[in-house]
Each structure stands twice: as C-alpha cells, then as structure tokens.
Amino acid sequence: MAQDADSATTEERLKSALWYSIGRIVDEDSLGLKVNATPQFIAALMEMTWAQIENVAKDLECFARHGHRHSINVSDVLLLARRNEGLETVLKQYAEELQAARVTASDARSGPMSKRTRTQ
C-alpha cells in the first residue's frame, strides 16, 4: 500500500515536471509566433506526451524481454525508432559517438604500459 502511494507521488512529480517543461517550451514558441496558448492546451499536450512516454516505455521493456534481457539497450531504442528514418539516423550516429568515446576513454585508462604489455 505504501509502495502504491510512493509510486503515485512519483508519477505526480514527474507529470508536474513535464507540465513545467512543456509550458516553458510552449511559452517560448508562443512569444515567437505572437500567439497565446491556454493552460488547457498545455495540459492536453502534456497528457498526450505522457501517454506517448508510457507507450515507448512499454515497447522498450517488451523488446528487452523478447531479447531475454532484463535491461534495455541501444538495440532496443534503435528498434523502436525504425519507422522514423530521421530519428533512427540521429540515434545511430549518437550511439556510434558514444561507442567511440568509450573506446577512447578505455584506451586512456589503460595507459602506455598496458599497450606495451599487450604487444609483448
């Protein structure tokens, strides 16, 4: 019972943060377009975004489970983005940059002595 209350509180806090973020983005864009957005519009946009986030989370969990894994990885995210070519391209590029950064960091940690030891 206490866990349900904590979960509900966390969900409300996340929704509040989402409302705030969407409100700031809408306000920023509204000023540039010289239009006014109502609080009802922001609420509707927040609810649609929340529903989309829930669907994405469920899909990612299903992809990981199908792969007999307990955690979501890059391949799951790329699978989710497969129908949006632009998004898929951006995500693949970002994943490759992250991988390159990890390799560089790994090489830097191993140091020059490790490289000589490996070649001997």
PDB file of N, CA and C in Angstrom:
ATOM      1  N   MET A   1       0.817  -1.176   0.000  1.00  0.00           N
ATOM      2  CA  MET A   1       0.000   0.000   0.000  1.00  0.00           C
ATOM      3  C   MET A   1       0.869   1.252   0.000  1.00  0.00           C
ATOM      4  N   ALA A   2       1.912   1.271   0.840  1.00  0.00           N
ATOM      5  CA  ALA A   2       2.808   2.421   0.903  1.00  0.00           C
ATOM      6  C   ALA A   2       3.565   2.575  -0.408  1.00  0.00           C
ATOM      7  N   GLN A   3       3.891   1.440  -1.021  1.00  0.00           N
ATOM      8  CA  GLN A   3       4.603   1.492  -2.297  1.00  0.00           C
ATOM      9  C   GLN A   3       3.717   2.110  -3.379  1.00  0.00           C
ATOM     10  N   ASP A   4       2.414   1.811  -3.368  1.00  0.00           N
ATOM     11  CA  ASP A   4       1.482   2.409  -4.322  1.00  0.00           C
ATOM     12  C   ASP A   4       1.413   3.920  -4.137  1.00  0.00           C
ATOM     13  N   ALA A   5       1.421   4.365  -2.888  1.00  0.00           N
ATOM     14  CA  ALA A   5       1.374   5.803  -2.596  1.00  0.00           C
ATOM     15  C   ALA A   5       2.656   6.476  -3.082  1.00  0.00           C
ATOM     16  N   ASP A   6       3.803   5.830  -2.855  1.00  0.00           N
ATOM     17  CA  ASP A   6       5.076   6.379  -3.330  1.00  0.00           C
ATOM     18  C   ASP A   6       5.098   6.448  -4.851  1.00  0.00           C
ATOM     19  N   SER A   7       4.577   5.409  -5.485  1.00  0.00           N
ATOM     20  CA  SER A   7       4.529   5.361  -6.943  1.00  0.00           C
ATOM     21  C   SER A   7       3.636   6.470  -7.493  1.00  0.00           C
ATOM     22  N   ALA A   8       2.494   6.673  -6.859  1.00  0.00           N
ATOM     23  CA  ALA A   8       1.581   7.729  -7.294  1.00  0.00           C
ATOM     24  C   ALA A   8       2.205   9.099  -7.098  1.00  0.00           C
ATOM     25  N   THR A   9       2.901   9.279  -5.986  1.00  0.00           N
ATOM     26  CA  THR A   9       3.573  10.550  -5.717  1.00  0.00           C
ATOM     27  C   THR A   9       4.659  10.798  -6.755  1.00  0.00           C
ATOM     28  N   THR A  10       5.428   9.778  -7.065  1.00  0.00           N
ATOM     29  CA  THR A  10       6.483   9.910  -8.074  1.00  0.00           C
ATOM     30  C   THR A  10       5.882  10.249  -9.425  1.00  0.00           C
ATOM     31  N   GLU A  11       4.796   9.582  -9.783  1.00  0.00           N
ATOM     32  CA  GLU A  11       4.143   9.864 -11.062  1.00  0.00           C
ATOM     33  C   GLU A  11       3.645  11.308 -11.106  1.00  0.00           C
ATOM     34  N   GLU A  12       3.067  11.774 -10.030  1.00  0.00           N
ATOM     35  CA  GLU A  12       2.577  13.159  -9.982  1.00  0.00           C
ATOM     36  C   GLU A  12       3.728  14.153 -10.101  1.00  0.00           C
ATOM     37  N   ARG A  13       4.846  13.848  -9.452  1.00  0.00           N
ATOM     38  CA  ARG A  13       6.020  14.733  -9.547  1.00  0.00           C
ATOM     39  C   ARG A  13       6.560  14.752 -10.969  1.00  0.00           C
ATOM     40  N   LEU A  14       6.599  13.594 -11.614  1.00  0.00           N
ATOM     41  CA  LEU A  14       7.067  13.538 -12.997  1.00  0.00           C
ATOM     42  C   LEU A  14       6.126  14.295 -13.932  1.00  0.00           C
ATOM     43  N   LYS A  15       4.829  14.135 -13.716  1.00  0.00           N
ATOM     44  CA  LYS A  15       3.858  14.858 -14.539  1.00  0.00           C
ATOM     45  C   LYS A  15       3.969  16.363 -14.325  1.00  0.00           C
ATOM     46  N   SER A  16       4.205  16.771 -13.100  1.00  0.00           N
ATOM     47  CA  SER A  16       4.378  18.198 -12.809  1.00  0.00           C
ATOM     48  C   SER A  16       5.617  18.745 -13.517  1.00  0.00           C
ATOM     49  N   ALA A  17       6.699  17.982 -13.477  1.00  0.00           N
ATOM     50  CA  ALA A  17       7.924  18.407 -14.155  1.00  0.00           C
ATOM     51  C   ALA A  17       7.703  18.480 -15.672  1.00  0.00           C
ATOM     52  N   LEU A  18       6.965  17.512 -16.203  1.00  0.00           N
ATOM     53  CA  LEU A  18       6.656  17.505 -17.631  1.00  0.00           C
ATOM     54  C   LEU A  18       5.785  18.705 -17.991  1.00  0.00           C
ATOM     55  N   TRP A  19       4.779  18.993 -17.165  1.00  0.00           N
ATOM     56  CA  TRP A  19       3.908  20.160 -17.373  1.00  0.00           C
ATOM     57  C   TRP A  19       4.760  21.431 -17.421  1.00  0.00           C
ATOM     58  N   TYR A  20       5.666  21.563 -16.455  1.00  0.00           N
ATOM     59  CA  TYR A  20       6.513  22.750 -16.378  1.00  0.00           C
ATOM     60  C   TYR A  20       7.382  22.877 -17.629  1.00  0.00           C
ATOM     61  N   SER A  21       8.016  21.789 -18.037  1.00  0.00           N
ATOM     62  CA  SER A  21       8.898  21.822 -19.208  1.00  0.00           C
ATOM     63  C   SER A  21       8.128  22.139 -20.483  1.00  0.00           C
ATOM     64  N   ILE A  22       6.999  21.491 -20.661  1.00  0.00           N
ATOM     65  CA  ILE A  22       6.183  21.747 -21.850  1.00  0.00           C
ATOM     66  C   ILE A  22       5.669  23.179 -21.823  1.00  0.00           C
ATOM     67  N   GLY A  23       5.265  23.652 -20.654  1.00  0.00           N
ATOM     68  CA  GLY A  23       4.796  25.027 -20.526  1.00  0.00           C
ATOM     69  C   GLY A  23       5.855  26.035 -20.930  1.00  0.00           C
ATOM     70  N   ARG A  24       7.083  25.791 -20.522  1.00  0.00           N
ATOM     71  CA  ARG A  24       8.177  26.704 -20.902  1.00  0.00           C
ATOM     72  C   ARG A  24       8.412  26.684 -22.408  1.00  0.00           C
ATOM     73  N   ILE A  25       8.411  25.503 -22.998  1.00  0.00           N
ATOM     74  CA  ILE A  25       8.628  25.394 -24.449  1.00  0.00           C
ATOM     75  C   ILE A  25       7.497  26.086 -25.203  1.00  0.00           C
ATOM     76  N   VAL A  26       6.263  25.833 -24.786  1.00  0.00           N
ATOM     77  CA  VAL A  26       5.105  26.449 -25.450  1.00  0.00           C
ATOM     78  C   VAL A  26       5.148  27.969 -25.289  1.00  0.00           C
ATOM     79  N   ASP A  27       5.466  28.444 -24.097  1.00  0.00           N
ATOM     80  CA  ASP A  27       5.554  29.893 -23.877  1.00  0.00           C
ATOM     81  C   ASP A  27       6.618  30.527 -24.770  1.00  0.00           C
ATOM     82  N   GLU A  28       7.755  29.865 -24.857  1.00  0.00           N
ATOM     83  CA  GLU A  28       8.850  30.363 -25.699  1.00  0.00           C
ATOM     84  C   GLU A  28       8.418  30.451 -27.162  1.00  0.00           C
ATOM     85  N   ASP A  29       7.817  29.379 -27.652  1.00  0.00           N
ATOM     86  CA  ASP A  29       7.377  29.360 -29.049  1.00  0.00           C
ATOM     87  C   ASP A  29       6.204  30.313 -29.285  1.00  0.00           C
ATOM     88  N   SER A  30       5.332  30.437 -28.305  1.00  0.00           N
ATOM     89  CA  SER A  30       4.176  31.327 -28.442  1.00  0.00           C
ATOM     90  C   SER A  30       4.615  32.775 -28.605  1.00  0.00           C
ATOM     91  N   LEU A  31       5.627  33.168 -27.854  1.00  0.00           N
ATOM     92  CA  LEU A  31       6.130  34.539 -27.966  1.00  0.00           C
ATOM     93  C   LEU A  31       6.679  34.805 -29.363  1.00  0.00           C
ATOM     94  N   GLY A  32       7.409  33.844 -29.888  1.00  0.00           N
ATOM     95  CA  GLY A  32       7.975  33.991 -31.232  1.00  0.00           C
ATOM     96  C   GLY A  32       6.914  34.054 -32.314  1.00  0.00           C
ATOM     97  N   LEU A  33       5.827  33.322 -32.111  1.00  0.00           N
ATOM     98  CA  LEU A  33       4.748  33.288 -33.098  1.00  0.00           C
ATOM     99  C   LEU A  33       3.671  34.343 -32.836  1.00  0.00           C
ATOM    100  N   LYS A  34       3.800  35.025 -31.702  1.00  0.00           N
ATOM    101  CA  LYS A  34       2.827  36.050 -31.294  1.00  0.00           C
ATOM    102  C   LYS A  34       1.407  35.479 -31.183  1.00  0.00           C
ATOM    103  N   VAL A  35       1.324  34.316 -30.534  1.00  0.00           N
ATOM    104  CA  VAL A  35       0.035  33.693 -30.241  1.00  0.00           C
ATOM    105  C   VAL A  35      -0.013  33.399 -28.751  1.00  0.00           C
ATOM    106  N   ASN A  36      -1.182  33.067 -28.263  1.00  0.00           N
ATOM    107  CA  ASN A  36      -1.349  32.766 -26.853  1.00  0.00           C
ATOM    108  C   ASN A  36      -1.814  31.317 -26.700  1.00  0.00           C
ATOM    109  N   ALA A  37      -1.151  30.578 -25.816  1.00  0.00           N
ATOM    110  CA  ALA A  37      -1.541  29.191 -25.544  1.00  0.00           C
ATOM    111  C   ALA A  37      -2.253  29.136 -24.198  1.00  0.00           C
ATOM    112  N   THR A  38      -3.375  28.484 -24.160  1.00  0.00           N
ATOM    113  CA  THR A  38      -4.151  28.385 -22.920  1.00  0.00           C
ATOM    114  C   THR A  38      -3.586  27.285 -22.030  1.00  0.00           C
ATOM    115  N   PRO A  39      -3.861  27.362 -20.746  1.00  0.00           N
ATOM    116  CA  PRO A  39      -3.446  26.284 -19.843  1.00  0.00           C
ATOM    117  C   PRO A  39      -4.066  24.935 -20.237  1.00  0.00           C
ATOM    118  N   GLN A  40      -5.273  24.971 -20.814  1.00  0.00           N
ATOM    119  CA  GLN A  40      -5.913  23.726 -21.255  1.00  0.00           C
ATOM    120  C   GLN A  40      -5.112  23.085 -22.398  1.00  0.00           C
ATOM    121  N   PHE A  41      -4.592  23.928 -23.291  1.00  0.00           N
ATOM    122  CA  PHE A  41      -3.767  23.413 -24.388  1.00  0.00           C
ATOM    123  C   PHE A  41      -2.504  22.755 -23.835  1.00  0.00           C
ATOM    124  N   ILE A  42      -1.855  23.425 -22.894  1.00  0.00           N
ATOM    125  CA  ILE A  42      -0.637  22.875 -22.292  1.00  0.00           C
ATOM    126  C   ILE A  42      -0.949  21.569 -21.569  1.00  0.00           C
ATOM    127  N   ALA A  43      -2.088  21.520 -20.873  1.00  0.00           N
ATOM    128  CA  ALA A  43      -2.482  20.287 -20.174  1.00  0.00           C
ATOM    129  C   ALA A  43      -2.728  19.149 -21.157  1.00  0.00           C
ATOM    130  N   ALA A  44      -3.408  19.455 -22.260  1.00  0.00           N
ATOM    131  CA  ALA A  44      -3.685  18.421 -23.264  1.00  0.00           C
ATOM    132  C   ALA A  44      -2.382  17.928 -23.898  1.00  0.00           C
ATOM    133  N   LEU A  45      -1.489  18.843 -24.185  1.00  0.00           N
ATOM    134  CA  LEU A  45      -0.194  18.466 -24.773  1.00  0.00           C
ATOM    135  C   LEU A  45       0.613  17.619 -23.793  1.00  0.00           C
ATOM    136  N   MET A  46       0.558  17.982 -22.525  1.00  0.00           N
ATOM    137  CA  MET A  46       1.258  17.208 -21.501  1.00  0.00           C
ATOM    138  C   MET A  46       0.684  15.796 -21.393  1.00  0.00           C
ATOM    139  N   GLU A  47      -0.630  15.666 -21.411  1.00  0.00           N
ATOM    140  CA  GLU A  47      -1.260  14.339 -21.313  1.00  0.00           C
ATOM    141  C   GLU A  47      -0.921  13.475 -22.532  1.00  0.00           C
ATOM    142  N   MET A  48      -0.911  14.083 -23.711  1.00  0.00           N
ATOM    143  CA  MET A  48      -0.532  13.326 -24.921  1.00  0.00           C
ATOM    144  C   MET A  48       0.922  12.879 -24.840  1.00  0.00           C
ATOM    145  N   THR A  49       1.780  13.763 -24.372  1.00  0.00           N
ATOM    146  CA  THR A  49       3.198  13.426 -24.235  1.00  0.00           C
ATOM    147  C   THR A  49       3.388  12.325 -23.207  1.00  0.00           C
ATOM    148  N   TRP A  50       2.682  12.407 -22.096  1.00  0.00           N
ATOM    149  CA  TRP A  50       2.768  11.381 -21.047  1.00  0.00           C
ATOM    150  C   TRP A  50       2.334  10.020 -21.598  1.00  0.00           C
ATOM    151  N   ALA A  51       1.239  10.001 -22.337  1.00  0.00           N
ATOM    152  CA  ALA A  51       0.749   8.744 -22.923  1.00  0.00           C
ATOM    153  C   ALA A  51       1.786   8.172 -23.888  1.00  0.00           C
ATOM    154  N   GLN A  52       2.423   9.031 -24.665  1.00  0.00           N
ATOM    155  CA  GLN A  52       3.451   8.567 -25.600  1.00  0.00           C
ATOM    156  C   GLN A  52       4.656   8.002 -24.843  1.00  0.00           C
ATOM    157  N   ILE A  53       5.052   8.658 -23.769  1.00  0.00           N
ATOM    158  CA  ILE A  53       6.167   8.175 -22.950  1.00  0.00           C
ATOM    159  C   ILE A  53       5.841   6.801 -22.369  1.00  0.00           C
ATOM    160  N   GLU A  54       4.617   6.625 -21.884  1.00  0.00           N
ATOM    161  CA  GLU A  54       4.218   5.321 -21.344  1.00  0.00           C
ATOM    162  C   GLU A  54       4.276   4.242 -22.417  1.00  0.00           C
ATOM    163  N   ASN A  55       3.801   4.545 -23.626  1.00  0.00           N
ATOM    164  CA  ASN A  55       3.838   3.568 -24.721  1.00  0.00           C
ATOM    165  C   ASN A  55       5.270   3.219 -25.102  1.00  0.00           C
ATOM    166  N   VAL A  56       6.122   4.211 -25.177  1.00  0.00           N
ATOM    167  CA  VAL A  56       7.527   3.972 -25.514  1.00  0.00           C
ATOM    168  C   VAL A  56       8.172   3.089 -24.446  1.00  0.00           C
ATOM    169  N   ALA A  57       7.912   3.384 -23.184  1.00  0.00           N
ATOM    170  CA  ALA A  57       8.492   2.592 -22.095  1.00  0.00           C
ATOM    171  C   ALA A  57       8.047   1.132 -22.178  1.00  0.00           C
ATOM    172  N   LYS A  58       6.759   0.911 -22.425  1.00  0.00           N
ATOM    173  CA  LYS A  58       6.248  -0.456 -22.536  1.00  0.00           C
ATOM    174  C   LYS A  58       6.873  -1.189 -23.716  1.00  0.00           C
ATOM    175  N   ASP A  59       6.975  -0.496 -24.855  1.00  0.00           N
ATOM    176  CA  ASP A  59       7.589  -1.121 -26.028  1.00  0.00           C
ATOM    177  C   ASP A  59       9.045  -1.495 -25.761  1.00  0.00           C
ATOM    178  N   LEU A  60       9.796  -0.584 -25.141  1.00  0.00           N
ATOM    179  CA  LEU A  60      11.199  -0.871 -24.852  1.00  0.00           C
ATOM    180  C   LEU A  60      11.338  -2.052 -23.895  1.00  0.00           C
ATOM    181  N   GLU A  61      10.474  -2.129 -22.895  1.00  0.00           N
ATOM    182  CA  GLU A  61      10.503  -3.267 -21.976  1.00  0.00           C
ATOM    183  C   GLU A  61      10.207  -4.567 -22.717  1.00  0.00           C
ATOM    184  N   CYS A  62       9.246  -4.533 -23.630  1.00  0.00           N
ATOM    185  CA  CYS A  62       8.904  -5.736 -24.406  1.00  0.00           C
ATOM    186  C   CYS A  62      10.059  -6.158 -25.307  1.00  0.00           C
ATOM    187  N   PHE A  63      10.715  -5.205 -25.945  1.00  0.00           N
ATOM    188  CA  PHE A  63      11.856  -5.532 -26.810  1.00  0.00           C
ATOM    189  C   PHE A  63      12.965  -6.190 -25.999  1.00  0.00           C
ATOM    190  N   ALA A  64      13.255  -5.647 -24.829  1.00  0.00           N
ATOM    191  CA  ALA A  64      14.306  -6.224 -23.981  1.00  0.00           C
ATOM    192  C   ALA A  64      13.907  -7.628 -23.522  1.00  0.00           C
ATOM    193  N   ARG A  65      12.657  -7.786 -23.104  1.00  0.00           N
ATOM    194  CA  ARG A  65      12.182  -9.097 -22.658  1.00  0.00           C
ATOM    195  C   ARG A  65      12.256 -10.111 -23.795  1.00  0.00           C
ATOM    196  N   HIS A  66      11.893  -9.682 -24.998  1.00  0.00           N
ATOM    197  CA  HIS A  66      11.952 -10.572 -26.155  1.00  0.00           C
ATOM    198  C   HIS A  66      13.395 -11.018 -26.424  1.00  0.00           C
ATOM    199  N   GLY A  67      14.341 -10.137 -26.129  1.00  0.00           N
ATOM    200  CA  GLY A  67      15.755 -10.474 -26.290  1.00  0.00           C
ATOM    201  C   GLY A  67      16.331 -11.206 -25.096  1.00  0.00           C
ATOM    202  N   HIS A  68      15.462 -11.653 -24.183  1.00  0.00           N
ATOM    203  CA  HIS A  68      15.856 -12.395 -22.976  1.00  0.00           C
ATOM    204  C   HIS A  68      16.826 -11.584 -22.122  1.00  0.00           C
ATOM    205  N   ARG A  69      16.550 -10.266 -22.013  1.00  0.00           N
ATOM    206  CA  ARG A  69      17.369  -9.387 -21.194  1.00  0.00           C
ATOM    207  C   ARG A  69      16.493  -8.713 -20.150  1.00  0.00           C
ATOM    208  N   HIS A  70      17.152  -8.272 -19.084  1.00  0.00           N
ATOM    209  CA  HIS A  70      16.439  -7.579 -18.015  1.00  0.00           C
ATOM    210  C   HIS A  70      16.587  -6.068 -18.109  1.00  0.00           C
ATOM    211  N   SER A  71      17.464  -5.605 -18.999  1.00  0.00           N
ATOM    212  CA  SER A  71      17.651  -4.157 -19.145  1.00  0.00           C
ATOM    213  C   SER A  71      17.573  -3.770 -20.619  1.00  0.00           C
ATOM    214  N   ILE A  72      17.172  -2.552 -20.835  1.00  0.00           N
ATOM    215  CA  ILE A  72      17.018  -2.000 -22.192  1.00  0.00           C
ATOM    216  C   ILE A  72      18.387  -1.562 -22.682  1.00  0.00           C
ATOM    217  N   ASN A  73      18.678  -1.845 -23.950  1.00  0.00           N
ATOM    218  CA  ASN A  73      19.953  -1.398 -24.502  1.00  0.00           C
ATOM    219  C   ASN A  73      19.735  -0.609 -25.795  1.00  0.00           C
ATOM    220  N   VAL A  74      20.822  -0.227 -26.425  1.00  0.00           N
ATOM    221  CA  VAL A  74      20.771   0.613 -27.619  1.00  0.00           C
ATOM    222  C   VAL A  74      19.983  -0.050 -28.739  1.00  0.00           C
ATOM    223  N   SER A  75      20.129  -1.343 -28.896  1.00  0.00           N
ATOM    224  CA  SER A  75      19.416  -2.027 -29.984  1.00  0.00           C
ATOM    225  C   SER A  75      17.899  -1.923 -29.808  1.00  0.00           C
ATOM    226  N   ASP A  76      17.433  -1.903 -28.573  1.00  0.00           N
ATOM    227  CA  ASP A  76      16.001  -1.753 -28.315  1.00  0.00           C
ATOM    228  C   ASP A  76      15.518  -0.365 -28.742  1.00  0.00           C
ATOM    229  N   VAL A  77      16.304   0.644 -28.423  1.00  0.00           N
ATOM    230  CA  VAL A  77      15.945   2.016 -28.789  1.00  0.00           C
ATOM    231  C   VAL A  77      15.948   2.177 -30.307  1.00  0.00           C
ATOM    232  N   LEU A  78      16.954   1.604 -30.960  1.00  0.00           N
ATOM    233  CA  LEU A  78      17.007   1.683 -32.421  1.00  0.00           C
ATOM    234  C   LEU A  78      15.844   0.933 -33.062  1.00  0.00           C
ATOM    235  N   LEU A  79      15.452  -0.182 -32.481  1.00  0.00           N
ATOM    236  CA  LEU A  79      14.296  -0.923 -32.982  1.00  0.00           C
ATOM    237  C   LEU A  79      13.030  -0.088 -32.857  1.00  0.00           C
ATOM    238  N   LEU A  80      12.902   0.627 -31.757  1.00  0.00           N
ATOM    239  CA  LEU A  80      11.739   1.485 -31.548  1.00  0.00           C
ATOM    240  C   LEU A  80      11.690   2.606 -32.596  1.00  0.00           C
ATOM    241  N   ALA A  81      12.857   3.109 -32.987  1.00  0.00           N
ATOM    242  CA  ALA A  81      12.928   4.247 -33.914  1.00  0.00           C
ATOM    243  C   ALA A  81      12.942   3.820 -35.383  1.00  0.00           C
ATOM    244  N   ARG A  82      12.784   2.558 -35.664  1.00  0.00           N
ATOM    245  CA  ARG A  82      12.960   2.047 -37.028  1.00  0.00           C
ATOM    246  C   ARG A  82      12.008   2.657 -38.057  1.00  0.00           C
ATOM    247  N   ARG A  83      10.855   3.123 -37.650  1.00  0.00           N
ATOM    248  CA  ARG A  83       9.883   3.672 -38.606  1.00  0.00           C
ATOM    249  C   ARG A  83      10.037   5.170 -38.828  1.00  0.00           C
ATOM    250  N   ASN A  84      10.953   5.778 -38.100  1.00  0.00           N
ATOM    251  CA  ASN A  84      11.221   7.199 -38.258  1.00  0.00           C
ATOM    252  C   ASN A  84      12.679   7.324 -38.699  1.00  0.00           C
ATOM    253  N   GLU A  85      12.882   7.384 -40.026  1.00  0.00           N
ATOM    254  CA  GLU A  85      14.238   7.328 -40.563  1.00  0.00           C
ATOM    255  C   GLU A  85      15.132   8.437 -40.028  1.00  0.00           C
ATOM    256  N   GLY A  86      14.596   9.647 -39.913  1.00  0.00           N
ATOM    257  CA  GLY A  86      15.394  10.765 -39.409  1.00  0.00           C
ATOM    258  C   GLY A  86      15.851  10.527 -37.982  1.00  0.00           C
ATOM    259  N   LEU A  87      14.929  10.094 -37.141  1.00  0.00           N
ATOM    260  CA  LEU A  87      15.256   9.810 -35.745  1.00  0.00           C
ATOM    261  C   LEU A  87      16.234   8.646 -35.650  1.00  0.00           C
ATOM    262  N   GLU A  88      16.001   7.623 -36.447  1.00  0.00           N
ATOM    263  CA  GLU A  88      16.885   6.458 -36.423  1.00  0.00           C
ATOM    264  C   GLU A  88      18.307   6.850 -36.806  1.00  0.00           C
ATOM    265  N   THR A  89      18.441   7.692 -37.816  1.00  0.00           N
ATOM    266  CA  THR A  89      19.763   8.143 -38.257  1.00  0.00           C
ATOM    267  C   THR A  89      20.471   8.921 -37.148  1.00  0.00           C
ATOM    268  N   VAL A  90      19.751   9.833 -36.511  1.00  0.00           N
ATOM    269  CA  VAL A  90      20.333  10.629 -35.427  1.00  0.00           C
ATOM    270  C   VAL A  90      20.739   9.726 -34.266  1.00  0.00           C
ATOM    271  N   LEU A  91      19.892   8.774 -33.901  1.00  0.00           N
ATOM    272  CA  LEU A  91      20.196   7.882 -32.783  1.00  0.00           C
ATOM    273  C   LEU A  91      21.384   6.969 -33.092  1.00  0.00           C
ATOM    274  N   LYS A  92      21.456   6.469 -34.322  1.00  0.00           N
ATOM    275  CA  LYS A  92      22.600   5.624 -34.699  1.00  0.00           C
ATOM    276  C   LYS A  92      23.899   6.414 -34.625  1.00  0.00           C
ATOM    277  N   GLN A  93      23.864   7.648 -35.128  1.00  0.00           N
ATOM    278  CA  GLN A  93      25.050   8.499 -35.094  1.00  0.00           C
ATOM    279  C   GLN A  93      25.468   8.758 -33.642  1.00  0.00           C
ATOM    280  N   TYR A  94      24.501   9.054 -32.789  1.00  0.00           N
ATOM    281  CA  TYR A  94      24.796   9.310 -31.379  1.00  0.00           C
ATOM    282  C   TYR A  94      25.369   8.059 -30.710  1.00  0.00           C
ATOM    283  N   ALA A  95      24.806   6.899 -31.006  1.00  0.00           N
ATOM    284  CA  ALA A  95      25.297   5.642 -30.430  1.00  0.00           C
ATOM    285  C   ALA A  95      26.735   5.373 -30.864  1.00  0.00           C
ATOM    286  N   GLU A  96      27.029   5.663 -32.130  1.00  0.00           N
ATOM    287  CA  GLU A  96      28.399   5.473 -32.622  1.00  0.00           C
ATOM    288  C   GLU A  96      29.367   6.431 -31.933  1.00  0.00           C
ATOM    289  N   GLU A  97      28.933   7.679 -31.705  1.00  0.00           N
ATOM    290  CA  GLU A  97      29.777   8.650 -30.998  1.00  0.00           C
ATOM    291  C   GLU A  97      30.033   8.204 -29.563  1.00  0.00           C
ATOM    292  N   LEU A  98      29.001   7.691 -28.901  1.00  0.00           N
ATOM    293  CA  LEU A  98      29.174   7.191 -27.536  1.00  0.00           C
ATOM    294  C   LEU A  98      30.143   6.020 -27.490  1.00  0.00           C
ATOM    295  N   GLN A  99      30.010   5.116 -28.450  1.00  0.00           N
ATOM    296  CA  GLN A  99      30.900   3.957 -28.506  1.00  0.00           C
ATOM    297  C   GLN A  99      32.342   4.395 -28.735  1.00  0.00           C
ATOM    298  N   ALA A 100      32.543   5.355 -29.631  1.00  0.00           N
ATOM    299  CA  ALA A 100      33.892   5.861 -29.894  1.00  0.00           C
ATOM    300  C   ALA A 100      34.473   6.527 -28.653  1.00  0.00           C
ATOM    301  N   ALA A 101      33.639   7.267 -27.922  1.00  0.00           N
ATOM    302  CA  ALA A 101      34.096   7.919 -26.695  1.00  0.00           C
ATOM    303  C   ALA A 101      34.472   6.882 -25.635  1.00  0.00           C
ATOM    304  N   ARG A 102      33.705   5.800 -25.555  1.00  0.00           N
ATOM    305  CA  ARG A 102      34.022   4.740 -24.593  1.00  0.00           C
ATOM    306  C   ARG A 102      35.349   4.081 -24.923  1.00  0.00           C
ATOM    307  N   VAL A 103      35.589   3.831 -26.202  1.00  0.00           N
ATOM    308  CA  VAL A 103      36.843   3.211 -26.629  1.00  0.00           C
ATOM    309  C   VAL A 103      38.011   4.133 -26.310  1.00  0.00           C
ATOM    310  N   THR A 104      37.849   5.417 -26.588  1.00  0.00           N
ATOM    311  CA  THR A 104      38.899   6.388 -26.307  1.00  0.00           C
ATOM    312  C   THR A 104      39.174   6.458 -24.810  1.00  0.00           C
ATOM    313  N   ALA A 105      38.130   6.493 -23.998  1.00  0.00           N
ATOM    314  CA  ALA A 105      38.291   6.544 -22.544  1.00  0.00           C
ATOM    315  C   ALA A 105      38.945   5.270 -22.029  1.00  0.00           C
ATOM    316  N   SER A 106      38.579   4.146 -22.603  1.00  0.00           N
ATOM    317  CA  SER A 106      39.166   2.870 -22.197  1.00  0.00           C
ATOM    318  C   SER A 106      40.654   2.833 -22.520  1.00  0.00           C
ATOM    319  N   ASP A 107      41.009   3.318 -23.702  1.00  0.00           N
ATOM    320  CA  ASP A 107      42.416   3.366 -24.095  1.00  0.00           C
ATOM    321  C   ASP A 107      43.205   4.309 -23.196  1.00  0.00           C
ATOM    322  N   ALA A 108      42.611   5.424 -22.820  1.00  0.00           N
ATOM    323  CA  ALA A 108      43.288   6.390 -21.965  1.00  0.00           C
ATOM    324  C   ALA A 108      43.521   5.814 -20.574  1.00  0.00           C
ATOM    325  N   ARG A 109      42.569   5.026 -20.071  1.00  0.00           N
ATOM    326  CA  ARG A 109      42.712   4.436 -18.738  1.00  0.00           C
ATOM    327  C   ARG A 109      43.771   3.349 -18.719  1.00  0.00           C
ATOM    328  N   SER A 110      43.890   2.620 -19.802  1.00  0.00           N
ATOM    329  CA  SER A 110      44.840   1.507 -19.803  1.00  0.00           C
ATOM    330  C   SER A 110      46.272   2.010 -19.835  1.00  0.00           C
ATOM    331  N   GLY A 111      46.522   3.187 -20.380  1.00  0.00           N
ATOM    332  CA  GLY A 111      47.844   3.809 -20.338  1.00  0.00           C
ATOM    333  C   GLY A 111      48.842   3.138 -21.254  1.00  0.00           C
ATOM    334  N   PRO A 112      50.014   3.762 -21.404  1.00  0.00           N
ATOM    335  CA  PRO A 112      51.033   3.246 -22.332  1.00  0.00           C
ATOM    336  C   PRO A 112      51.662   1.937 -21.871  1.00  0.00           C
ATOM    337  N   MET A 113      51.782   1.700 -20.576  1.00  0.00           N
ATOM    338  CA  MET A 113      52.379   0.449 -20.100  1.00  0.00           C
ATOM    339  C   MET A 113      51.527  -0.740 -20.498  1.00  0.00           C
ATOM    340  N   SER A 114      50.235  -0.580 -20.452  1.00  0.00           N
ATOM    341  CA  SER A 114      49.341  -1.671 -20.806  1.00  0.00           C
ATOM    342  C   SER A 114      49.472  -2.001 -22.278  1.00  0.00           C
ATOM    343  N   LYS A 115      49.666  -0.986 -23.114  1.00  0.00           N
ATOM    344  CA  LYS A 115      49.804  -1.237 -24.545  1.00  0.00           C
ATOM    345  C   LYS A 115      51.071  -2.023 -24.830  1.00  0.00           C
ATOM    346  N   ARG A 116      52.185  -1.655 -24.160  1.00  0.00           N
ATOM    347  CA  ARG A 116      53.428  -2.398 -24.380  1.00  0.00           C
ATOM    348  C   ARG A 116      53.298  -3.823 -23.887  1.00  0.00           C
ATOM    349  N   THR A 117      52.646  -4.006 -22.784  1.00  0.00           N
ATOM    350  CA  THR A 117      52.462  -5.344 -22.225  1.00  0.00           C
ATOM    351  C   THR A 117      51.649  -6.201 -23.170  1.00  0.00           C
ATOM    352  N   ARG A 118      50.620  -5.602 -23.797  1.00  0.00           N
ATOM    353  CA  ARG A 118      49.772  -6.357 -24.717  1.00  0.00           C
ATOM    354  C   ARG A 118      50.529  -6.768 -25.977  1.00  0.00           C
ATOM    355  N   THR A 119      51.478  -5.949 -26.433  1.00  0.00           N
ATOM    356  CA  THR A 119      52.180  -6.262 -27.684  1.00  0.00           C
ATOM    357  C   THR A 119      53.301  -7.261 -27.464  1.00  0.00           C
ATOM    358  N   GLN A 120      53.747  -7.456 -26.241  1.00  0.00           N
ATOM    359  CA  GLN A 120      54.854  -8.384 -25.987  1.00  0.00           C
ATOM    360  C   GLN A 120      54.422  -9.815 -26.026  1.00  0.00           C
TER     361      GLN A 120
END
